[in-house]
Every structure is written in structure tokens, then in C-alpha cells.
Amino acid sequence: MLALDHIVIAGKNAEEDSISYNKRFAVKAVKGGEHADWGTYNYLAYFSNQAYIEWLGVQHHEIARKSDNPLIKHLVYMLEHEKTGPFQFALRTDQMDDYIEHFHHNNIPYDGPFSGERMKPDGTLLSWRMLFPKYEIGKEILPFLIEWNNPLGGPFIQSLANPRLISKVNIGGVEKARFMKIYQLKNKKILTNHFTLQNTKLVFQNNTNLSFDLT
């Protein structure tokens, strides 16, 4: 079963955006780090259901524009079209190779896997892999799969977690049946517009927006 790993928010200044969010919703965020190969950096807010928000910003625009990573391409698209806010999210798995085989055998177009790493503020290196089902930016949302190099699930730090949780992710631009097929999920309740992951609920809606609820 997949779990929500994190929600990505685009902004012109990730640090300022995380501070503003803190003032509005009493959510504390910490500096994540820099992604030298992508020209980006981030700030993170952890939650009690082992998921987090990532404010992703561009530090070196030329590097970011040349990236072949679909997440960075999507971020650049957002900023160049003067769009900000939640735009993508990641589903956590420990079976990425199985998903690569699934995509290949079922003719599901995909990009990756892409390897990523960043230096944490404490000087330790964090690394991961990402796998992207292909999607059309601006018209649909298909989350990417992420597999971390540690058993605890990425950068999550329990001592820094906010007491609240990301209770619901509202996703638009994709039909539930197609989503279930892509991510190998069992569609137990075909007529409902939601599906429960390990740590949150997905709600499918009739628009192209991405939003989430905190409880």
C-alpha cells in the first residue's frame, strides 16, 4: 500500500512562503536543503502522519530550466506562468522496481527513475529515487513515486513534527479508475470519489486543482 509522502508547493521565495504559512496556520517549518543538480532549495513542515509539506523554490534559474526532472520542469512552468501554491505530491513506496516493471508491461508512459540527493543542515546526505508517470502539465495531476534510502521514510523527523496531520488531499484532472490502474491500487468502492492511503485520504474532484486539508 502506498502512503502520502509529501505535498509540493511552488513559490517565488520558499522561506518567506513557509513563514507566511506558519503565521496563518501555526505550522512550524524548517530549512530542508539545496539540490545543486536542479538549482532548487526547500523548506519543510512535518506532520504527525509521517507526511510533510515541501516549499520548493528556485535558487539558480538557468540550472532549473535545463533540468530533465519532471518535478523541476513543473515548478519552472508554475513560476514562469505566475502560478503559486500546491502543484504536485509524492506517494511513498519501497517497491519502485516493481512499479517500473508494471509501467513497462502495461504500456504506461513514465520518466525515470531519477536519483536525488541533498545535504541536510546537520551535514548528513539524504538520497532518494523518483518515478514519474507522464502527465500533461496544466491539465492533470499524476503524483510521482518516491523511494528513500532509509527505512524511516526520508527526511521525516518526529521531534519536529507538527501535532496536526494532512487528513485529505484533493486531486483534480484524473479519473479515479485511471489513477487506480496506474498505481496498482484496489478499487474497492468504485462509485465513491475517494480512496484511503496508509496515512491519508485522496478525494478526486472535477477540476485541475490540488489542495489539502489539515486536521
N, C-alpha and C. Protein backbone atom coordinates (compact mmCIF):
# COMPACT_ATOMS: atom_id res chain seq x y z
N MET A 1 0.84 -1.20 0.00
CA MET A 1 0.00 0.00 0.00
C MET A 1 0.87 1.24 0.00
N LEU A 2 0.46 2.23 -0.77
CA LEU A 2 1.19 3.48 -0.85
C LEU A 2 0.78 4.42 0.29
N ALA A 3 1.69 5.34 0.60
CA ALA A 3 1.41 6.36 1.60
C ALA A 3 1.70 7.73 1.00
N LEU A 4 1.03 8.75 1.51
CA LEU A 4 1.38 10.11 1.13
C LEU A 4 2.75 10.42 1.72
N ASP A 5 3.67 10.86 0.87
CA ASP A 5 4.99 11.25 1.36
C ASP A 5 5.03 12.75 1.61
N HIS A 6 4.76 13.54 0.56
CA HIS A 6 4.74 14.98 0.77
C HIS A 6 3.99 15.69 -0.33
N ILE A 7 3.59 16.93 -0.04
CA ILE A 7 2.92 17.82 -0.98
C ILE A 7 3.88 18.94 -1.32
N VAL A 8 3.99 19.27 -2.60
CA VAL A 8 4.95 20.27 -3.06
C VAL A 8 4.22 21.58 -3.37
N ILE A 9 4.73 22.67 -2.81
CA ILE A 9 4.16 23.99 -3.02
C ILE A 9 5.17 24.86 -3.75
N ALA A 10 4.72 25.50 -4.83
CA ALA A 10 5.58 26.39 -5.61
C ALA A 10 5.45 27.82 -5.09
N GLY A 11 6.57 28.51 -5.04
CA GLY A 11 6.55 29.90 -4.62
C GLY A 11 7.81 30.61 -5.07
N LYS A 12 7.76 31.92 -5.11
CA LYS A 12 8.93 32.69 -5.53
C LYS A 12 10.00 32.71 -4.46
N ASN A 13 9.62 32.56 -3.19
CA ASN A 13 10.57 32.52 -2.09
C ASN A 13 10.09 31.49 -1.08
N ALA A 14 10.73 30.32 -1.09
CA ALA A 14 10.27 29.21 -0.26
C ALA A 14 10.32 29.54 1.23
N GLU A 15 11.37 30.25 1.65
CA GLU A 15 11.49 30.58 3.06
C GLU A 15 10.37 31.52 3.51
N GLU A 16 10.15 32.59 2.74
CA GLU A 16 9.10 33.54 3.09
C GLU A 16 7.72 32.90 3.05
N ASP A 17 7.50 32.02 2.09
CA ASP A 17 6.21 31.34 2.00
C ASP A 17 5.97 30.44 3.20
N SER A 18 7.01 29.74 3.66
CA SER A 18 6.85 28.87 4.83
C SER A 18 6.58 29.69 6.09
N ILE A 19 7.21 30.85 6.21
CA ILE A 19 6.97 31.73 7.35
C ILE A 19 5.54 32.27 7.33
N SER A 20 5.08 32.67 6.14
CA SER A 20 3.71 33.16 6.00
C SER A 20 2.70 32.08 6.37
N TYR A 21 2.97 30.85 5.96
CA TYR A 21 2.08 29.73 6.28
C TYR A 21 2.04 29.50 7.78
N ASN A 22 3.19 29.63 8.41
CA ASN A 22 3.28 29.46 9.85
C ASN A 22 2.41 30.49 10.56
N LYS A 23 2.44 31.73 10.11
CA LYS A 23 1.65 32.79 10.74
C LYS A 23 0.16 32.56 10.57
N ARG A 24 -0.23 32.00 9.43
CA ARG A 24 -1.65 31.78 9.16
C ARG A 24 -2.21 30.55 9.84
N PHE A 25 -1.41 29.48 9.88
CA PHE A 25 -1.95 28.20 10.34
C PHE A 25 -1.19 27.60 11.53
N ALA A 26 -0.26 28.34 12.10
CA ALA A 26 0.52 27.87 13.26
C ALA A 26 1.22 26.55 12.94
N VAL A 27 1.81 26.48 11.76
CA VAL A 27 2.57 25.30 11.32
C VAL A 27 4.04 25.67 11.25
N LYS A 28 4.85 24.99 12.01
CA LYS A 28 6.28 25.31 12.02
C LYS A 28 6.99 24.57 10.88
N ALA A 29 7.93 25.25 10.24
CA ALA A 29 8.70 24.68 9.15
C ALA A 29 10.19 24.83 9.44
N VAL A 30 10.99 24.00 8.82
CA VAL A 30 12.44 24.04 9.00
C VAL A 30 13.11 24.06 7.63
N LYS A 31 14.33 24.53 7.58
CA LYS A 31 15.09 24.51 6.34
C LYS A 31 15.40 23.08 5.95
N GLY A 32 15.14 22.75 4.69
CA GLY A 32 15.46 21.41 4.20
C GLY A 32 16.89 21.38 3.70
N GLY A 33 17.12 21.96 2.54
CA GLY A 33 18.47 21.98 1.98
C GLY A 33 18.44 22.42 0.53
N GLU A 34 19.54 22.19 -0.16
CA GLU A 34 19.69 22.61 -1.54
C GLU A 34 19.90 21.40 -2.45
N HIS A 35 19.36 21.50 -3.68
CA HIS A 35 19.52 20.45 -4.68
C HIS A 35 20.39 21.04 -5.79
N ALA A 36 21.69 20.85 -5.67
CA ALA A 36 22.64 21.51 -6.57
C ALA A 36 22.40 21.15 -8.03
N ASP A 37 22.07 19.91 -8.31
CA ASP A 37 21.89 19.47 -9.70
C ASP A 37 20.64 20.06 -10.35
N TRP A 38 19.70 20.52 -9.53
CA TRP A 38 18.43 21.04 -10.06
C TRP A 38 18.29 22.54 -9.89
N GLY A 39 19.19 23.15 -9.15
CA GLY A 39 19.10 24.59 -8.93
C GLY A 39 17.98 25.00 -8.00
N THR A 40 17.58 24.10 -7.09
CA THR A 40 16.45 24.38 -6.21
C THR A 40 16.84 24.23 -4.74
N TYR A 41 15.94 24.66 -3.87
CA TYR A 41 16.11 24.51 -2.43
C TYR A 41 14.72 24.35 -1.81
N ASN A 42 14.65 23.97 -0.54
CA ASN A 42 13.33 23.78 0.05
C ASN A 42 13.28 24.05 1.55
N TYR A 43 12.05 24.25 2.00
CA TYR A 43 11.70 24.32 3.42
C TYR A 43 10.60 23.29 3.66
N LEU A 44 10.60 22.67 4.83
CA LEU A 44 9.73 21.54 5.10
C LEU A 44 8.94 21.71 6.38
N ALA A 45 7.72 21.21 6.38
CA ALA A 45 6.90 21.15 7.60
C ALA A 45 6.41 19.71 7.75
N TYR A 46 6.81 19.07 8.84
CA TYR A 46 6.45 17.68 9.09
C TYR A 46 5.14 17.59 9.88
N PHE A 47 4.41 16.49 9.64
CA PHE A 47 3.15 16.29 10.34
C PHE A 47 3.09 14.91 10.98
N SER A 48 2.13 14.74 11.87
CA SER A 48 2.11 13.54 12.72
C SER A 48 1.81 12.26 11.96
N ASN A 49 1.29 12.34 10.74
CA ASN A 49 1.02 11.12 9.97
C ASN A 49 2.17 10.77 9.02
N GLN A 50 3.38 11.21 9.39
CA GLN A 50 4.61 10.91 8.63
C GLN A 50 4.50 11.36 7.18
N ALA A 51 3.96 12.54 7.01
CA ALA A 51 3.93 13.22 5.71
C ALA A 51 4.37 14.65 5.96
N TYR A 52 4.71 15.35 4.90
CA TYR A 52 5.17 16.72 5.09
C TYR A 52 4.83 17.60 3.89
N ILE A 53 4.91 18.90 4.13
CA ILE A 53 4.77 19.90 3.07
C ILE A 53 6.17 20.34 2.68
N GLU A 54 6.39 20.48 1.38
CA GLU A 54 7.66 20.99 0.87
C GLU A 54 7.40 22.29 0.11
N TRP A 55 7.99 23.38 0.58
CA TRP A 55 8.01 24.60 -0.18
C TRP A 55 9.26 24.56 -1.05
N LEU A 56 9.07 24.46 -2.35
CA LEU A 56 10.17 24.26 -3.28
C LEU A 56 10.41 25.55 -4.06
N GLY A 57 11.65 26.03 -4.01
CA GLY A 57 11.97 27.28 -4.69
C GLY A 57 13.16 27.11 -5.61
N VAL A 58 13.28 28.04 -6.55
CA VAL A 58 14.39 28.02 -7.50
C VAL A 58 15.50 28.94 -6.99
N GLN A 59 16.70 28.40 -6.91
CA GLN A 59 17.86 29.17 -6.47
C GLN A 59 18.72 29.61 -7.64
N HIS A 60 18.86 28.72 -8.64
CA HIS A 60 19.64 29.02 -9.84
C HIS A 60 18.74 28.73 -11.05
N HIS A 61 18.22 29.80 -11.65
CA HIS A 61 17.20 29.64 -12.67
C HIS A 61 17.70 28.92 -13.92
N GLU A 62 18.91 29.17 -14.34
CA GLU A 62 19.41 28.53 -15.56
C GLU A 62 19.55 27.02 -15.36
N ILE A 63 20.01 26.61 -14.19
CA ILE A 63 20.14 25.18 -13.90
C ILE A 63 18.76 24.54 -13.88
N ALA A 64 17.81 25.21 -13.22
CA ALA A 64 16.46 24.66 -13.13
C ALA A 64 15.81 24.53 -14.50
N ARG A 65 15.99 25.53 -15.35
CA ARG A 65 15.37 25.48 -16.68
C ARG A 65 15.92 24.35 -17.54
N LYS A 66 17.15 23.95 -17.30
CA LYS A 66 17.77 22.90 -18.11
C LYS A 66 17.53 21.50 -17.55
N SER A 67 16.90 21.40 -16.39
CA SER A 67 16.69 20.10 -15.76
C SER A 67 15.73 19.23 -16.56
N ASP A 68 16.01 17.94 -16.60
CA ASP A 68 15.09 17.00 -17.24
C ASP A 68 14.18 16.31 -16.23
N ASN A 69 14.28 16.71 -14.97
CA ASN A 69 13.43 16.15 -13.92
C ASN A 69 12.02 16.74 -14.06
N PRO A 70 10.98 15.90 -14.23
CA PRO A 70 9.62 16.41 -14.44
C PRO A 70 9.12 17.32 -13.31
N LEU A 71 9.55 17.06 -12.08
CA LEU A 71 9.11 17.92 -10.98
C LEU A 71 9.68 19.32 -11.13
N ILE A 72 10.94 19.42 -11.50
CA ILE A 72 11.56 20.73 -11.68
C ILE A 72 10.97 21.43 -12.90
N LYS A 73 10.70 20.68 -13.97
CA LYS A 73 10.04 21.25 -15.14
C LYS A 73 8.68 21.84 -14.75
N HIS A 74 7.95 21.12 -13.93
CA HIS A 74 6.63 21.58 -13.50
C HIS A 74 6.76 22.83 -12.63
N LEU A 75 7.74 22.85 -11.74
CA LEU A 75 7.97 24.02 -10.91
C LEU A 75 8.30 25.25 -11.76
N VAL A 76 9.20 25.08 -12.73
CA VAL A 76 9.57 26.19 -13.61
C VAL A 76 8.34 26.67 -14.38
N TYR A 77 7.52 25.74 -14.86
CA TYR A 77 6.28 26.11 -15.56
C TYR A 77 5.40 26.95 -14.66
N MET A 78 5.23 26.54 -13.42
CA MET A 78 4.38 27.28 -12.49
C MET A 78 4.88 28.71 -12.32
N LEU A 79 6.15 28.85 -12.05
CA LEU A 79 6.69 30.17 -11.76
C LEU A 79 6.71 31.07 -13.00
N GLU A 80 7.00 30.49 -14.16
CA GLU A 80 7.02 31.29 -15.38
C GLU A 80 5.62 31.71 -15.82
N HIS A 81 4.60 31.01 -15.33
CA HIS A 81 3.22 31.38 -15.63
C HIS A 81 2.58 32.11 -14.45
N GLU A 82 3.44 32.60 -13.53
CA GLU A 82 2.97 33.39 -12.39
C GLU A 82 1.96 32.62 -11.55
N LYS A 83 2.19 31.32 -11.40
CA LYS A 83 1.31 30.49 -10.58
C LYS A 83 2.07 30.04 -9.34
N THR A 84 1.38 30.03 -8.21
CA THR A 84 1.97 29.57 -6.96
C THR A 84 0.97 28.66 -6.24
N GLY A 85 1.45 27.98 -5.21
CA GLY A 85 0.58 27.10 -4.43
C GLY A 85 0.89 25.64 -4.67
N PRO A 86 0.10 24.73 -4.08
CA PRO A 86 0.30 23.30 -4.25
C PRO A 86 0.16 22.90 -5.71
N PHE A 87 1.10 22.11 -6.22
CA PHE A 87 1.01 21.72 -7.64
C PHE A 87 1.36 20.26 -7.89
N GLN A 88 1.91 19.57 -6.91
CA GLN A 88 2.29 18.17 -7.10
C GLN A 88 2.44 17.51 -5.74
N PHE A 89 2.37 16.17 -5.72
CA PHE A 89 2.62 15.45 -4.48
C PHE A 89 3.26 14.11 -4.78
N ALA A 90 3.83 13.52 -3.75
CA ALA A 90 4.57 12.27 -3.90
C ALA A 90 3.94 11.17 -3.06
N LEU A 91 3.95 9.97 -3.63
CA LEU A 91 3.50 8.78 -2.92
C LEU A 91 4.71 7.93 -2.57
N ARG A 92 4.81 7.52 -1.33
CA ARG A 92 5.98 6.78 -0.84
C ARG A 92 5.81 5.28 -1.08
N THR A 93 6.88 4.67 -1.59
CA THR A 93 6.90 3.24 -1.84
C THR A 93 8.26 2.66 -1.50
N ASP A 94 8.30 1.38 -1.23
CA ASP A 94 9.57 0.68 -1.09
C ASP A 94 9.69 -0.40 -2.17
N GLN A 95 8.88 -0.26 -3.23
CA GLN A 95 8.86 -1.25 -4.31
C GLN A 95 8.92 -0.55 -5.67
N MET A 96 9.83 0.37 -5.82
CA MET A 96 9.90 1.14 -7.05
C MET A 96 10.22 0.27 -8.26
N ASP A 97 11.10 -0.68 -8.10
CA ASP A 97 11.44 -1.55 -9.24
C ASP A 97 10.21 -2.31 -9.74
N ASP A 98 9.32 -2.69 -8.82
CA ASP A 98 8.09 -3.36 -9.23
C ASP A 98 7.20 -2.41 -10.03
N TYR A 99 7.18 -1.14 -9.66
CA TYR A 99 6.39 -0.16 -10.40
C TYR A 99 6.98 0.09 -11.78
N ILE A 100 8.28 0.08 -11.90
CA ILE A 100 8.91 0.25 -13.21
C ILE A 100 8.49 -0.90 -14.13
N GLU A 101 8.49 -2.10 -13.59
CA GLU A 101 8.07 -3.27 -14.38
C GLU A 101 6.59 -3.17 -14.73
N HIS A 102 5.78 -2.74 -13.77
CA HIS A 102 4.34 -2.57 -14.01
C HIS A 102 4.08 -1.55 -15.12
N PHE A 103 4.75 -0.41 -15.07
CA PHE A 103 4.58 0.61 -16.11
C PHE A 103 5.00 0.06 -17.47
N HIS A 104 6.12 -0.65 -17.48
CA HIS A 104 6.65 -1.16 -18.74
C HIS A 104 5.69 -2.17 -19.38
N HIS A 105 5.22 -3.11 -18.58
CA HIS A 105 4.39 -4.19 -19.13
C HIS A 105 2.96 -3.74 -19.46
N ASN A 106 2.52 -2.63 -18.88
CA ASN A 106 1.17 -2.15 -19.14
C ASN A 106 1.16 -0.91 -20.02
N ASN A 107 2.31 -0.63 -20.65
CA ASN A 107 2.42 0.50 -21.59
C ASN A 107 1.97 1.82 -20.97
N ILE A 108 2.36 2.03 -19.73
CA ILE A 108 2.09 3.29 -19.04
C ILE A 108 3.32 4.17 -19.21
N PRO A 109 3.24 5.27 -19.94
CA PRO A 109 4.41 6.12 -20.17
C PRO A 109 4.94 6.68 -18.85
N TYR A 110 6.26 6.72 -18.73
CA TYR A 110 6.85 7.23 -17.50
C TYR A 110 8.24 7.79 -17.76
N ASP A 111 8.71 8.58 -16.81
CA ASP A 111 10.06 9.12 -16.82
C ASP A 111 10.77 8.69 -15.55
N GLY A 112 12.03 8.33 -15.69
CA GLY A 112 12.81 7.96 -14.52
C GLY A 112 13.18 6.50 -14.51
N PRO A 113 13.69 6.04 -13.36
CA PRO A 113 13.77 6.79 -12.10
C PRO A 113 14.89 7.83 -12.11
N PHE A 114 14.65 8.92 -11.38
CA PHE A 114 15.64 9.98 -11.18
C PHE A 114 16.20 9.87 -9.78
N SER A 115 17.50 9.95 -9.67
CA SER A 115 18.14 9.94 -8.36
C SER A 115 18.28 11.37 -7.86
N GLY A 116 18.03 11.55 -6.57
CA GLY A 116 18.18 12.87 -5.98
C GLY A 116 18.93 12.80 -4.67
N GLU A 117 19.53 13.90 -4.30
CA GLU A 117 20.22 13.97 -3.01
C GLU A 117 20.35 15.43 -2.60
N ARG A 118 20.46 15.62 -1.30
CA ARG A 118 20.75 16.95 -0.76
C ARG A 118 21.44 16.78 0.59
N MET A 119 22.20 17.80 0.94
CA MET A 119 22.87 17.81 2.22
C MET A 119 21.95 18.42 3.26
N LYS A 120 21.70 17.69 4.33
CA LYS A 120 20.85 18.20 5.39
C LYS A 120 21.62 19.21 6.23
N PRO A 121 20.91 20.06 6.98
CA PRO A 121 21.59 21.06 7.81
C PRO A 121 22.59 20.46 8.79
N ASP A 122 22.39 19.20 9.19
CA ASP A 122 23.32 18.58 10.14
C ASP A 122 24.55 17.98 9.44
N GLY A 123 24.64 18.15 8.11
CA GLY A 123 25.81 17.68 7.38
C GLY A 123 25.70 16.29 6.82
N THR A 124 24.60 15.59 7.06
CA THR A 124 24.42 14.24 6.54
C THR A 124 23.74 14.31 5.16
N LEU A 125 24.02 13.29 4.34
CA LEU A 125 23.49 13.25 2.98
C LEU A 125 22.20 12.43 2.94
N LEU A 126 21.19 13.00 2.32
CA LEU A 126 19.91 12.33 2.13
C LEU A 126 19.75 12.02 0.65
N SER A 127 19.36 10.80 0.31
CA SER A 127 19.21 10.45 -1.11
C SER A 127 17.92 9.65 -1.33
N TRP A 128 17.47 9.65 -2.58
CA TRP A 128 16.20 9.03 -2.91
C TRP A 128 16.10 8.80 -4.41
N ARG A 129 15.04 8.08 -4.83
CA ARG A 129 14.71 7.90 -6.25
C ARG A 129 13.27 8.34 -6.49
N MET A 130 13.03 8.88 -7.69
CA MET A 130 11.69 9.33 -8.05
C MET A 130 11.30 8.74 -9.41
N LEU A 131 10.03 8.37 -9.52
CA LEU A 131 9.49 7.78 -10.75
C LEU A 131 8.21 8.53 -11.12
N PHE A 132 8.13 8.99 -12.37
CA PHE A 132 7.03 9.87 -12.80
C PHE A 132 6.19 9.23 -13.90
N PRO A 133 4.94 8.87 -13.62
CA PRO A 133 4.02 8.59 -14.74
C PRO A 133 3.88 9.88 -15.54
N LYS A 134 3.92 9.80 -16.85
CA LYS A 134 3.82 11.01 -17.66
C LYS A 134 2.43 11.64 -17.54
N TYR A 135 2.41 12.96 -17.46
CA TYR A 135 1.15 13.69 -17.39
C TYR A 135 1.32 15.03 -18.08
N GLU A 136 0.19 15.62 -18.44
CA GLU A 136 0.21 16.90 -19.15
C GLU A 136 0.06 18.04 -18.16
N ILE A 137 1.13 18.80 -18.01
CA ILE A 137 1.13 19.90 -17.04
C ILE A 137 0.03 20.89 -17.39
N GLY A 138 -0.71 21.31 -16.38
CA GLY A 138 -1.77 22.28 -16.57
C GLY A 138 -3.13 21.67 -16.82
N LYS A 139 -3.17 20.36 -17.11
CA LYS A 139 -4.44 19.72 -17.41
C LYS A 139 -4.76 18.56 -16.47
N GLU A 140 -3.75 17.98 -15.86
CA GLU A 140 -3.98 16.85 -14.98
C GLU A 140 -2.89 16.78 -13.93
N ILE A 141 -3.14 15.96 -12.90
CA ILE A 141 -2.16 15.75 -11.84
C ILE A 141 -1.99 14.25 -11.64
N LEU A 142 -0.78 13.78 -11.84
CA LEU A 142 -0.42 12.41 -11.50
C LEU A 142 0.77 12.48 -10.57
N PRO A 143 0.61 12.07 -9.32
CA PRO A 143 1.72 12.16 -8.37
C PRO A 143 2.89 11.27 -8.78
N PHE A 144 4.07 11.63 -8.32
CA PHE A 144 5.22 10.79 -8.58
C PHE A 144 5.47 9.86 -7.41
N LEU A 145 6.17 8.79 -7.68
CA LEU A 145 6.54 7.81 -6.66
C LEU A 145 7.93 8.14 -6.14
N ILE A 146 8.12 7.99 -4.85
CA ILE A 146 9.42 8.27 -4.25
C ILE A 146 9.83 7.12 -3.35
N GLU A 147 11.09 6.76 -3.44
CA GLU A 147 11.66 5.68 -2.61
C GLU A 147 12.91 6.22 -1.94
N TRP A 148 12.90 6.24 -0.63
CA TRP A 148 14.01 6.79 0.14
C TRP A 148 15.07 5.75 0.44
N ASN A 149 16.26 6.23 0.74
CA ASN A 149 17.37 5.32 1.01
C ASN A 149 17.45 4.91 2.47
N ASN A 150 16.46 5.28 3.27
CA ASN A 150 16.47 4.86 4.66
C ASN A 150 15.11 4.31 5.04
N PRO A 151 15.05 3.40 5.99
CA PRO A 151 13.80 2.73 6.33
C PRO A 151 12.77 3.61 7.02
N LEU A 152 13.19 4.80 7.49
CA LEU A 152 12.28 5.68 8.21
C LEU A 152 11.46 6.57 7.28
N GLY A 153 11.76 6.54 5.99
CA GLY A 153 10.97 7.30 5.05
C GLY A 153 11.43 8.72 4.87
N GLY A 154 12.63 8.90 4.39
CA GLY A 154 13.09 10.22 4.00
C GLY A 154 13.49 11.13 5.13
N PRO A 155 13.18 12.42 4.98
CA PRO A 155 13.70 13.42 5.91
C PRO A 155 12.88 13.56 7.18
N PHE A 156 11.84 12.77 7.35
CA PHE A 156 10.92 12.95 8.47
C PHE A 156 11.64 12.90 9.81
N ILE A 157 11.36 13.91 10.65
CA ILE A 157 11.95 14.00 11.99
C ILE A 157 10.80 14.12 12.99
N GLN A 158 10.57 13.08 13.76
CA GLN A 158 9.43 13.04 14.66
C GLN A 158 9.43 14.20 15.66
N SER A 159 10.61 14.56 16.15
CA SER A 159 10.70 15.60 17.16
C SER A 159 10.30 16.98 16.62
N LEU A 160 10.33 17.13 15.30
CA LEU A 160 9.98 18.40 14.68
C LEU A 160 8.57 18.39 14.08
N ALA A 161 7.85 17.29 14.26
CA ALA A 161 6.55 17.15 13.62
C ALA A 161 5.50 18.03 14.28
N ASN A 162 4.69 18.67 13.46
CA ASN A 162 3.54 19.40 13.96
C ASN A 162 2.50 18.40 14.45
N PRO A 163 1.73 18.74 15.50
CA PRO A 163 0.76 17.78 16.04
C PRO A 163 -0.39 17.48 15.11
N ARG A 164 -0.61 18.32 14.10
CA ARG A 164 -1.69 18.11 13.16
C ARG A 164 -1.27 17.10 12.09
N LEU A 165 -2.21 16.73 11.23
CA LEU A 165 -1.90 15.80 10.14
C LEU A 165 -2.57 16.26 8.86
N ILE A 166 -2.00 15.79 7.73
CA ILE A 166 -2.61 16.05 6.43
C ILE A 166 -3.69 14.98 6.25
N SER A 167 -4.92 15.37 6.50
CA SER A 167 -6.01 14.40 6.56
C SER A 167 -6.63 14.09 5.22
N LYS A 168 -6.45 15.00 4.24
CA LYS A 168 -7.10 14.79 2.94
C LYS A 168 -6.33 15.53 1.86
N VAL A 169 -6.20 14.89 0.70
CA VAL A 169 -5.60 15.52 -0.48
C VAL A 169 -6.65 15.53 -1.57
N ASN A 170 -6.98 16.70 -2.07
CA ASN A 170 -7.98 16.85 -3.12
C ASN A 170 -7.26 16.97 -4.46
N ILE A 171 -7.48 16.00 -5.33
CA ILE A 171 -6.74 15.91 -6.58
C ILE A 171 -7.69 16.03 -7.76
N GLY A 172 -7.30 16.82 -8.76
CA GLY A 172 -8.14 17.02 -9.94
C GLY A 172 -7.43 16.62 -11.21
N GLY A 173 -8.20 16.50 -12.27
CA GLY A 173 -7.64 16.26 -13.59
C GLY A 173 -7.40 14.80 -13.94
N VAL A 174 -7.78 13.88 -13.07
CA VAL A 174 -7.58 12.46 -13.38
C VAL A 174 -8.76 11.66 -12.83
N GLU A 175 -9.26 10.73 -13.61
CA GLU A 175 -10.35 9.88 -13.16
C GLU A 175 -9.83 8.86 -12.16
N LYS A 176 -10.66 8.53 -11.21
CA LYS A 176 -10.25 7.59 -10.17
C LYS A 176 -9.84 6.24 -10.75
N ALA A 177 -10.60 5.71 -11.70
CA ALA A 177 -10.31 4.40 -12.27
C ALA A 177 -8.92 4.37 -12.93
N ARG A 178 -8.59 5.43 -13.65
CA ARG A 178 -7.27 5.51 -14.29
C ARG A 178 -6.17 5.60 -13.23
N PHE A 179 -6.42 6.40 -12.21
CA PHE A 179 -5.47 6.54 -11.12
C PHE A 179 -5.18 5.19 -10.47
N MET A 180 -6.24 4.44 -10.19
CA MET A 180 -6.09 3.14 -9.52
C MET A 180 -5.27 2.17 -10.37
N LYS A 181 -5.48 2.21 -11.68
CA LYS A 181 -4.74 1.32 -12.57
C LYS A 181 -3.26 1.68 -12.60
N ILE A 182 -2.96 2.97 -12.70
CA ILE A 182 -1.57 3.40 -12.78
C ILE A 182 -0.79 3.00 -11.54
N TYR A 183 -1.42 3.18 -10.36
CA TYR A 183 -0.69 2.96 -9.11
C TYR A 183 -0.97 1.60 -8.46
N GLN A 184 -1.62 0.71 -9.20
CA GLN A 184 -1.87 -0.66 -8.74
C GLN A 184 -2.61 -0.68 -7.41
N LEU A 185 -3.68 0.08 -7.33
CA LEU A 185 -4.49 0.13 -6.13
C LEU A 185 -5.82 -0.58 -6.37
N LYS A 186 -6.31 -1.25 -5.36
CA LYS A 186 -7.55 -2.00 -5.49
C LYS A 186 -8.73 -1.06 -5.26
N ASN A 187 -9.57 -0.98 -6.28
CA ASN A 187 -10.71 -0.08 -6.25
C ASN A 187 -11.91 -0.77 -5.59
N LYS A 188 -11.94 -0.76 -4.26
CA LYS A 188 -12.97 -1.50 -3.54
C LYS A 188 -14.34 -0.84 -3.65
N LYS A 189 -14.36 0.49 -3.70
CA LYS A 189 -15.62 1.22 -3.78
C LYS A 189 -15.62 2.05 -5.05
N ILE A 190 -16.09 1.45 -6.12
CA ILE A 190 -15.99 2.07 -7.44
C ILE A 190 -16.77 3.37 -7.53
N LEU A 191 -17.91 3.44 -6.88
CA LEU A 191 -18.79 4.58 -7.05
C LEU A 191 -18.43 5.78 -6.17
N THR A 192 -17.51 5.64 -5.27
CA THR A 192 -17.12 6.76 -4.43
C THR A 192 -16.01 7.56 -5.10
N ASN A 193 -15.85 8.78 -4.67
CA ASN A 193 -14.83 9.64 -5.27
C ASN A 193 -13.58 9.76 -4.39
N HIS A 194 -13.41 8.83 -3.47
CA HIS A 194 -12.23 8.90 -2.61
C HIS A 194 -11.56 7.54 -2.46
N PHE A 195 -10.33 7.58 -1.98
CA PHE A 195 -9.58 6.36 -1.71
C PHE A 195 -8.66 6.63 -0.52
N THR A 196 -8.54 5.64 0.37
CA THR A 196 -7.74 5.81 1.57
C THR A 196 -6.36 5.18 1.40
N LEU A 197 -5.33 6.00 1.53
CA LEU A 197 -3.95 5.53 1.54
C LEU A 197 -3.58 5.10 2.96
N GLN A 198 -2.33 4.75 3.18
CA GLN A 198 -1.90 4.35 4.51
C GLN A 198 -2.11 5.43 5.55
N ASN A 199 -1.91 6.69 5.15
CA ASN A 199 -1.88 7.75 6.15
C ASN A 199 -2.75 8.95 5.83
N THR A 200 -3.54 8.88 4.76
CA THR A 200 -4.44 9.99 4.44
C THR A 200 -5.48 9.53 3.43
N LYS A 201 -6.37 10.44 3.07
CA LYS A 201 -7.42 10.12 2.10
C LYS A 201 -7.23 10.97 0.84
N LEU A 202 -7.42 10.34 -0.32
CA LEU A 202 -7.43 11.05 -1.59
C LEU A 202 -8.87 11.28 -2.01
N VAL A 203 -9.17 12.50 -2.45
CA VAL A 203 -10.50 12.82 -2.95
C VAL A 203 -10.36 13.32 -4.39
N PHE A 204 -11.06 12.68 -5.31
CA PHE A 204 -10.99 13.02 -6.73
C PHE A 204 -12.08 14.03 -7.05
N GLN A 205 -11.69 15.15 -7.68
CA GLN A 205 -12.63 16.22 -7.95
C GLN A 205 -12.59 16.63 -9.42
N ASN A 206 -13.62 17.35 -9.85
CA ASN A 206 -13.77 17.69 -11.27
C ASN A 206 -13.14 19.03 -11.62
N ASN A 207 -11.86 19.17 -11.34
CA ASN A 207 -11.11 20.34 -11.77
C ASN A 207 -9.65 19.96 -11.84
N THR A 208 -8.80 20.91 -12.09
CA THR A 208 -7.36 20.60 -12.24
C THR A 208 -6.57 21.09 -11.04
N ASN A 209 -7.24 21.40 -9.94
CA ASN A 209 -6.56 21.95 -8.78
C ASN A 209 -6.05 20.86 -7.84
N LEU A 210 -5.07 21.23 -7.04
CA LEU A 210 -4.56 20.38 -5.97
C LEU A 210 -4.66 21.16 -4.67
N SER A 211 -5.26 20.56 -3.67
CA SER A 211 -5.36 21.20 -2.36
C SER A 211 -5.32 20.11 -1.29
N PHE A 212 -5.25 20.53 -0.05
CA PHE A 212 -5.17 19.55 1.04
C PHE A 212 -5.78 20.14 2.30
N ASP A 213 -6.18 19.24 3.21
CA ASP A 213 -6.78 19.66 4.48
C ASP A 213 -5.87 19.23 5.63
N LEU A 214 -5.76 20.10 6.62
CA LEU A 214 -5.04 19.78 7.85
C LEU A 214 -6.07 19.59 8.96
N THR A 215 -5.82 18.59 9.79
CA THR A 215 -6.72 18.33 10.92
C THR A 215 -5.92 18.39 12.22
